[in-house]
C-alpha atoms as a PDB file:
ATOM      1  CA  UNK A   1      -0.852 -12.835-121.532  1.00  0.00           C
ATOM      2  CA  UNK A   2      -2.923 -12.647-118.760  1.00  0.00           C
ATOM      3  CA  UNK A   3      -6.030 -14.295-119.512  1.00  0.00           C
ATOM      4  CA  UNK A   4      -9.092 -13.148-117.447  1.00  0.00           C
ATOM      5  CA  UNK A   5     -11.222 -16.396-116.408  1.00  0.00           C
ATOM      6  CA  UNK A   6     -15.029 -14.819-116.088  1.00  0.00           C
ATOM      7  CA  UNK A   7     -16.806 -16.773-113.769  1.00  0.00           C
ATOM      8  CA  UNK A   8     -20.640 -17.468-115.526  1.00  0.00           C
ATOM      9  CA  UNK A   9     -21.859 -17.434-111.618  1.00  0.00           C
ATOM     10  CA  UNK A  10     -20.432 -13.509-111.602  1.00  0.00           C
ATOM     11  CA  UNK A  11     -21.051 -12.704-115.200  1.00  0.00           C
ATOM     12  CA  UNK A  12     -23.738 -14.999-117.129  1.00  0.00           C
ATOM     13  CA  UNK A  13     -27.066 -14.676-114.717  1.00  0.00           C
ATOM     14  CA  UNK A  14     -26.499 -16.883-111.690  1.00  0.00           C
ATOM     15  CA  UNK A  15     -27.946 -18.322-108.628  1.00  0.00           C
ATOM     16  CA  UNK A  16     -27.033 -15.187-106.795  1.00  0.00           C
ATOM     17  CA  UNK A  17     -29.344 -13.258-108.966  1.00  0.00           C
ATOM     18  CA  UNK A  18     -27.210 -11.414-111.098  1.00  0.00           C
ATOM     19  CA  UNK A  19     -28.698 -10.809-114.709  1.00  0.00           C
ATOM     20  CA  UNK A  20     -26.349  -9.333-116.679  1.00  0.00           C
ATOM     21  CA  UNK A  21     -22.737  -9.761-117.453  1.00  0.00           C
ATOM     22  CA  UNK A  22     -21.614  -6.542-115.868  1.00  0.00           C
ATOM     23  CA  UNK A  23     -23.015  -3.927-113.702  1.00  0.00           C
ATOM     24  CA  UNK A  24     -25.826  -1.681-114.528  1.00  0.00           C
ATOM     25  CA  UNK A  25     -24.685   1.536-116.022  1.00  0.00           C
ATOM     26  CA  UNK A  26     -25.009   3.858-118.879  1.00  0.00           C
ATOM     27  CA  UNK A  27     -22.093   2.341-120.896  1.00  0.00           C
ATOM     28  CA  UNK A  28     -23.761  -0.850-121.451  1.00  0.00           C
ATOM     29  CA  UNK A  29     -26.412  -2.127-123.535  1.00  0.00           C
ATOM     30  CA  UNK A  30     -29.519  -4.500-122.937  1.00  0.00           C
ATOM     31  CA  UNK A  31     -31.615  -6.925-124.575  1.00  0.00           C
ATOM     32  CA  UNK A  32     -35.216  -4.902-124.127  1.00  0.00           C
ATOM     33  CA  UNK A  33     -35.489  -3.295-121.103  1.00  0.00           C
ATOM     34  CA  UNK A  34     -38.146  -3.120-118.659  1.00  0.00           C
ATOM     35  CA  UNK A  35     -40.004   0.325-118.492  1.00  0.00           C
ATOM     36  CA  UNK A  36     -37.044   2.993-118.610  1.00  0.00           C
ATOM     37  CA  UNK A  37     -38.944   6.144-117.571  1.00  0.00           C
ATOM     38  CA  UNK A  38     -37.821   8.930-115.232  1.00  0.00           C
ATOM     39  CA  UNK A  39     -37.998   8.129-111.704  1.00  0.00           C
ATOM     40  CA  UNK A  40     -41.115   9.293-110.158  1.00  0.00           C
ATOM     41  CA  UNK A  41     -43.371   9.267-113.923  1.00  0.00           C
ATOM     42  CA  UNK A  42     -46.037   6.703-113.939  1.00  0.00           C
ATOM     43  CA  UNK A  43     -45.072   3.503-115.770  1.00  0.00           C
ATOM     44  CA  UNK A  44     -48.898   2.147-115.850  1.00  0.00           C
ATOM     45  CA  UNK A  45     -52.374   3.395-116.383  1.00  0.00           C
ATOM     46  CA  UNK A  46     -52.805   5.944-112.799  1.00  0.00           C
ATOM     47  CA  UNK A  47     -56.377   4.738-112.354  1.00  0.00           C
ATOM     48  CA  UNK A  48     -60.012   3.262-113.567  1.00  0.00           C
ATOM     49  CA  UNK A  49     -60.587   6.465-115.244  1.00  0.00           C
ATOM     50  CA  UNK A  50     -57.518   5.588-117.857  1.00  0.00           C
ATOM     51  CA  UNK A  51     -59.217   2.626-119.423  1.00  0.00           C
ATOM     52  CA  UNK A  52     -57.539   1.059-122.155  1.00  0.00           C
ATOM     53  CA  UNK A  53     -58.720   2.893-125.575  1.00  0.00           C
ATOM     54  CA  UNK A  54     -57.330   2.635-129.337  1.00  0.00           C
ATOM     55  CA  UNK A  55     -55.039   5.457-130.089  1.00  0.00           C
ATOM     56  CA  UNK A  56     -52.923   6.073-133.249  1.00  0.00           C
ATOM     57  CA  UNK A  57     -48.995   5.645-132.507  1.00  0.00           C
ATOM     58  CA  UNK A  58     -47.192   8.901-133.547  1.00  0.00           C
ATOM     59  CA  UNK A  59     -43.886   8.722-135.143  1.00  0.00           C
ATOM     60  CA  UNK A  60     -41.157   8.711-132.429  1.00  0.00           C
ATOM     61  CA  UNK A  61     -37.682   8.162-134.652  1.00  0.00           C
ATOM     62  CA  UNK A  62     -35.262  10.831-133.824  1.00  0.00           C
ATOM     63  CA  UNK A  63     -36.477  12.086-130.995  1.00  0.00           C
ATOM     64  CA  UNK A  64     -34.285  11.675-127.768  1.00  0.00           C
ATOM     65  CA  UNK A  65     -35.485   8.508-125.494  1.00  0.00           C
ATOM     66  CA  UNK A  66     -36.720  10.358-122.516  1.00  0.00           C
ATOM     67  CA  UNK A  67     -38.669  12.850-124.886  1.00  0.00           C
ATOM     68  CA  UNK A  68     -39.928   9.620-126.893  1.00  0.00           C
ATOM     69  CA  UNK A  69     -41.127   8.198-123.148  1.00  0.00           C
ATOM     70  CA  UNK A  70     -42.654  11.419-122.392  1.00  0.00           C
ATOM     71  CA  UNK A  71     -44.344  11.942-125.430  1.00  0.00           C
ATOM     72  CA  UNK A  72     -45.856   8.319-125.166  1.00  0.00           C
ATOM     73  CA  UNK A  73     -46.903   8.894-122.258  1.00  0.00           C
ATOM     74  CA  UNK A  74     -48.846  11.979-123.100  1.00  0.00           C
ATOM     75  CA  UNK A  75     -50.808  10.072-125.403  1.00  0.00           C
ATOM     76  CA  UNK A  76     -51.691   7.297-122.706  1.00  0.00           C
ATOM     77  CA  UNK A  77     -48.955   5.130-123.578  1.00  0.00           C
ATOM     78  CA  UNK A  78     -47.621   3.874-120.220  1.00  0.00           C
ATOM     79  CA  UNK A  79     -45.832   0.301-121.113  1.00  0.00           C
ATOM     80  CA  UNK A  80     -43.116   1.390-122.455  1.00  0.00           C
ATOM     81  CA  UNK A  81     -39.561  -0.490-123.206  1.00  0.00           C
ATOM     82  CA  UNK A  82     -36.174  -0.105-124.972  1.00  0.00           C
ATOM     83  CA  UNK A  83     -33.468  -1.765-126.246  1.00  0.00           C
ATOM     84  CA  UNK A  84     -29.674  -1.159-127.678  1.00  0.00           C
ATOM     85  CA  UNK A  85     -30.564  -1.303-131.475  1.00  0.00           C
ATOM     86  CA  UNK A  86     -27.104  -1.602-132.280  1.00  0.00           C
ATOM     87  CA  UNK A  87     -27.219  -4.982-130.528  1.00  0.00           C
ATOM     88  CA  UNK A  88     -24.412  -4.501-128.027  1.00  0.00           C
ATOM     89  CA  UNK A  89     -26.464  -5.109-124.515  1.00  0.00           C
ATOM     90  CA  UNK A  90     -26.305  -2.028-123.138  1.00  0.00           C
ATOM     91  CA  UNK A  91     -28.777  -0.446-120.869  1.00  0.00           C
ATOM     92  CA  UNK A  92     -30.197   2.985-121.459  1.00  0.00           C
ATOM     93  CA  UNK A  93     -29.547   3.896-117.685  1.00  0.00           C
ATOM     94  CA  UNK A  94     -29.950   7.801-118.627  1.00  0.00           C
ATOM     95  CA  UNK A  95     -32.412   8.192-121.372  1.00  0.00           C
ATOM     96  CA  UNK A  96     -31.347  11.716-122.384  1.00  0.00           C
ATOM     97  CA  UNK A  97     -28.650  10.287-123.617  1.00  0.00           C
ATOM     98  CA  UNK A  98     -30.160   8.161-126.176  1.00  0.00           C
ATOM     99  CA  UNK A  99     -32.113   8.705-129.239  1.00  0.00           C
ATOM    100  CA  UNK A 100     -34.599   6.363-130.858  1.00  0.00           C
ATOM    101  CA  UNK A 101     -33.975   4.771-133.815  1.00  0.00           C
ATOM    102  CA  UNK A 102     -36.577   2.306-133.950  1.00  0.00           C
ATOM    103  CA  UNK A 103     -40.187   1.332-132.739  1.00  0.00           C
ATOM    104  CA  UNK A 104     -41.952  -1.670-132.930  1.00  0.00           C
ATOM    105  CA  UNK A 105     -45.260  -0.342-133.686  1.00  0.00           C
ATOM    106  CA  UNK A 106     -45.403   1.797-136.810  1.00  0.00           C
ATOM    107  CA  UNK A 107     -46.120   5.472-136.647  1.00  0.00           C
ATOM    108  CA  UNK A 108     -50.037   6.173-137.372  1.00  0.00           C
ATOM    109  CA  UNK A 109     -51.037   2.327-136.691  1.00  0.00           C
ATOM    110  CA  UNK A 110     -53.823   2.586-133.682  1.00  0.00           C
ATOM    111  CA  UNK A 111     -53.502   0.016-131.275  1.00  0.00           C
ATOM    112  CA  UNK A 112     -54.959   0.271-127.796  1.00  0.00           C
ATOM    113  CA  UNK A 113     -53.150   2.258-125.636  1.00  0.00           C
ATOM    114  CA  UNK A 114     -52.057  -0.731-122.976  1.00  0.00           C
ATOM    115  CA  UNK A 115     -49.661  -2.340-125.782  1.00  0.00           C
ATOM    116  CA  UNK A 116     -46.006  -2.274-125.078  1.00  0.00           C
ATOM    117  CA  UNK A 117     -43.978   0.464-127.179  1.00  0.00           C
ATOM    118  CA  UNK A 118     -40.547  -0.511-127.305  1.00  0.00           C
ATOM    119  CA  UNK A 119     -37.739   1.511-128.901  1.00  0.00           C
ATOM    120  CA  UNK A 120     -34.594   0.809-130.605  1.00  0.00           C
ATOM    121  CA  UNK A 121     -32.193   3.318-129.248  1.00  0.00           C
ATOM    122  CA  UNK A 122     -28.425   4.361-129.561  1.00  0.00           C
ATOM    123  CA  UNK A 123     -26.323   7.064-127.848  1.00  0.00           C
ATOM    124  CA  UNK A 124     -26.768  10.796-129.230  1.00  0.00           C
ATOM    125  CA  UNK A 125     -23.153  10.554-130.838  1.00  0.00           C
ATOM    126  CA  UNK A 126     -23.818   6.981-132.733  1.00  0.00           C
ATOM    127  CA  UNK A 127     -25.535   6.753-135.848  1.00  0.00           C
ATOM    128  CA  UNK A 128     -28.727   4.459-136.344  1.00  0.00           C
ATOM    129  CA  UNK A 129     -28.303   1.243-138.013  1.00  0.00           C
ATOM    130  CA  UNK A 130     -30.133   0.384-141.308  1.00  0.00           C
ATOM    131  CA  UNK A 131     -32.469  -1.761-139.329  1.00  0.00           C
ATOM    132  CA  UNK A 132     -31.911  -3.081-135.598  1.00  0.00           C
ATOM    133  CA  UNK A 133     -29.053  -5.399-135.066  1.00  0.00           C
ATOM    134  CA  UNK A 134     -29.963  -8.575-133.101  1.00  0.00           C
ATOM    135  CA  UNK A 135     -28.010 -10.008-130.263  1.00  0.00           C
ATOM    136  CA  UNK A 136     -26.368 -13.817-130.831  1.00  0.00           C
ATOM    137  CA  UNK A 137     -28.293 -16.544-129.757  1.00  0.00           C
ATOM    138  CA  UNK A 138     -26.995 -20.369-128.740  1.00  0.00           C
ATOM    139  CA  UNK A 139     -30.472 -21.716-129.533  1.00  0.00           C
ATOM    140  CA  UNK A 140     -30.484 -24.992-130.869  1.00  0.00           C
ATOM    141  CA  UNK A 141     -27.394 -26.034-129.018  1.00  0.00           C
ATOM    142  CA  UNK A 142     -24.779 -24.691-132.122  1.00  0.00           C
ATOM    143  CA  UNK A 143     -21.944 -21.761-130.970  1.00  0.00           C
ATOM    144  CA  UNK A 144     -23.193 -18.756-132.479  1.00  0.00           C
ATOM    145  CA  UNK A 145     -21.004 -16.454-134.593  1.00  0.00           C
ATOM    146  CA  UNK A 146     -19.592 -13.884-131.891  1.00  0.00           C
ATOM    147  CA  UNK A 147     -17.456 -12.025-134.247  1.00  0.00           C
ATOM    148  CA  UNK A 148     -18.092  -8.368-134.467  1.00  0.00           C
ATOM    149  CA  UNK A 149     -20.222  -8.434-131.387  1.00  0.00           C
ATOM    150  CA  UNK A 150     -19.950  -7.166-128.019  1.00  0.00           C
ATOM    151  CA  UNK A 151     -18.558  -9.473-125.432  1.00  0.00           C
ATOM    152  CA  UNK A 152     -21.424  -8.560-123.229  1.00  0.00           C
ATOM    153  CA  UNK A 153     -23.932  -9.931-125.932  1.00  0.00           C
ATOM    154  CA  UNK A 154     -21.410 -13.356-126.528  1.00  0.00           C
ATOM    155  CA  UNK A 155     -21.518 -13.907-122.862  1.00  0.00           C
ATOM    156  CA  UNK A 156     -25.428 -13.374-122.407  1.00  0.00           C
ATOM    157  CA  UNK A 157     -26.075 -16.014-125.645  1.00  0.00           C
ATOM    158  CA  UNK A 158     -24.416 -18.904-123.526  1.00  0.00           C
ATOM    159  CA  UNK A 159     -26.161 -20.981-120.614  1.00  0.00           C
ATOM    160  CA  UNK A 160     -25.532 -19.474-117.366  1.00  0.00           C
ATOM    161  CA  UNK A 161     -23.120 -22.475-116.115  1.00  0.00           C
ATOM    162  CA  UNK A 162     -20.791 -22.108-119.488  1.00  0.00           C
ATOM    163  CA  UNK A 163     -17.388 -21.309-118.732  1.00  0.00           C
ATOM    164  CA  UNK A 164     -16.169 -17.989-120.333  1.00  0.00           C
ATOM    165  CA  UNK A 165     -12.516 -16.543-121.134  1.00  0.00           C
ATOM    166  CA  UNK A 166     -11.942 -13.081-122.743  1.00  0.00           C
ATOM    167  CA  UNK A 167      -8.584 -11.560-123.410  1.00  0.00           C
ATOM    168  CA  UNK A 168      -7.434  -8.594-125.256  1.00  0.00           C
ATOM    169  CA  UNK A 169      -6.769  -9.001-128.793  1.00  0.00           C
ATOM    170  CA  UNK A 170      -4.159  -6.268-129.046  1.00  0.00           C
ATOM    171  CA  UNK A 171      -0.784  -6.835-127.446  1.00  0.00           C
ATOM    172  CA  UNK A 172      -1.438  -4.227-124.518  1.00  0.00           C
ATOM    173  CA  UNK A 173      -2.859  -6.807-122.156  1.00  0.00           C
ATOM    174  CA  UNK A 174      -5.736  -4.864-121.302  1.00  0.00           C
ATOM    175  CA  UNK A 175      -8.245  -5.688-118.556  1.00  0.00           C
ATOM    176  CA  UNK A 176     -11.791  -6.464-120.344  1.00  0.00           C
ATOM    177  CA  UNK A 177     -14.173  -4.442-117.422  1.00  0.00           C
ATOM    178  CA  UNK A 178     -17.181  -3.136-119.817  1.00  0.00           C
ATOM    179  CA  UNK A 179     -17.744  -5.820-121.855  1.00  0.00           C
ATOM    180  CA  UNK A 180     -20.336  -4.107-123.887  1.00  0.00           C
ATOM    181  CA  UNK A 181     -17.318  -1.694-125.016  1.00  0.00           C
ATOM    182  CA  UNK A 182     -15.323  -4.679-126.381  1.00  0.00           C
ATOM    183  CA  UNK A 183     -16.096  -6.179-129.640  1.00  0.00           C
ATOM    184  CA  UNK A 184     -15.484  -9.829-130.136  1.00  0.00           C
ATOM    185  CA  UNK A 185     -12.589 -10.427-133.102  1.00  0.00           C
ATOM    186  CA  UNK A 186     -11.833 -14.478-132.380  1.00  0.00           C
ATOM    187  CA  UNK A 187     -14.025 -17.322-130.688  1.00  0.00           C
ATOM    188  CA  UNK A 188     -13.273 -20.896-130.026  1.00  0.00           C
ATOM    189  CA  UNK A 189     -15.144 -23.107-130.357  1.00  0.00           C
ATOM    190  CA  UNK A 190     -15.854 -22.320-134.147  1.00  0.00           C
ATOM    191  CA  UNK A 191     -19.373 -20.896-135.003  1.00  0.00           C
ATOM    192  CA  UNK A 192     -21.413 -24.014-135.648  1.00  0.00           C
ATOM    193  CA  UNK A 193     -19.885 -26.142-133.196  1.00  0.00           C
ATOM    194  CA  UNK A 194     -22.237 -28.552-131.286  1.00  0.00           C
ATOM    195  CA  UNK A 195     -22.137 -26.740-127.327  1.00  0.00           C
ATOM    196  CA  UNK A 196     -21.472 -29.657-125.016  1.00  0.00           C
ATOM    197  CA  UNK A 197     -20.697 -27.644-121.584  1.00  0.00           C
ATOM    198  CA  UNK A 198     -17.343 -26.982-123.451  1.00  0.00           C
ATOM    199  CA  UNK A 199     -15.485 -23.597-122.127  1.00  0.00           C
ATOM    200  CA  UNK A 200     -15.845 -21.036-124.465  1.00  0.00           C
ATOM    201  CA  UNK A 201     -13.282 -18.033-125.067  1.00  0.00           C
ATOM    202  CA  UNK A 202     -13.029 -15.094-127.389  1.00  0.00           C
ATOM    203  CA  UNK A 203     -10.729 -12.382-127.896  1.00  0.00           C
ATOM    204  CA  UNK A 204     -11.870  -8.508-128.247  1.00  0.00           C
ATOM    205  CA  UNK A 205     -10.727  -4.959-128.951  1.00  0.00           C
ATOM    206  CA  UNK A 206     -12.558  -1.697-127.952  1.00  0.00           C
ATOM    207  CA  UNK A 207     -15.427  -0.707-130.375  1.00  0.00           C
ATOM    208  CA  UNK A 208     -13.748   1.922-132.884  1.00  0.00           C
ATOM    209  CA  UNK A 209     -10.275  -0.535-132.951  1.00  0.00           C
ATOM    210  CA  UNK A 210      -9.711  -2.897-135.418  1.00  0.00           C
ATOM    211  CA  UNK A 211      -9.016  -6.773-135.109  1.00  0.00           C
ATOM    212  CA  UNK A 212      -5.448  -7.534-135.577  1.00  0.00           C
END
């Protein structure tokens, strides 16, 4: 079985400035992203005449992500963010391929127009979760439960210096190339173990497949 040793320097946000476990493309999910608006669209108040006022927030749920962003800007909200509602750490590189499942400010609530609106989104062919799924976290120095999470989310939860190994859980010996498309099946060390710099390893299958 070929084991792919993934350097934390290359994958988990190391000194050379890499900020994700894989290159940015539309196959990936991410934590709340910086404003993801179409190139050339304003992302902040465009002048003194656009001073922050208070306006009600419309209901964006069910809209395409690009349409939601355009509508928010029409209403005067220019600070916009989005994140993967499935907790897989994919980035919304092509907004038209995503739909809004949730919003951080409730529809109908009146807030200043300089408030940041954050949209939870999934791809158009996916179903919205009952609530946004949260990414795992190693805060507190304990090994998180990675089972069912994306490999990318697992990597992102660990300290940048942690040695991280991932291999295909199936007998097919595949390369795990787009980590956000792979679901963790097993992990070592076990959930709740104190993290003291020891290497972490996981096995995974592609989302939609069954762990052996």
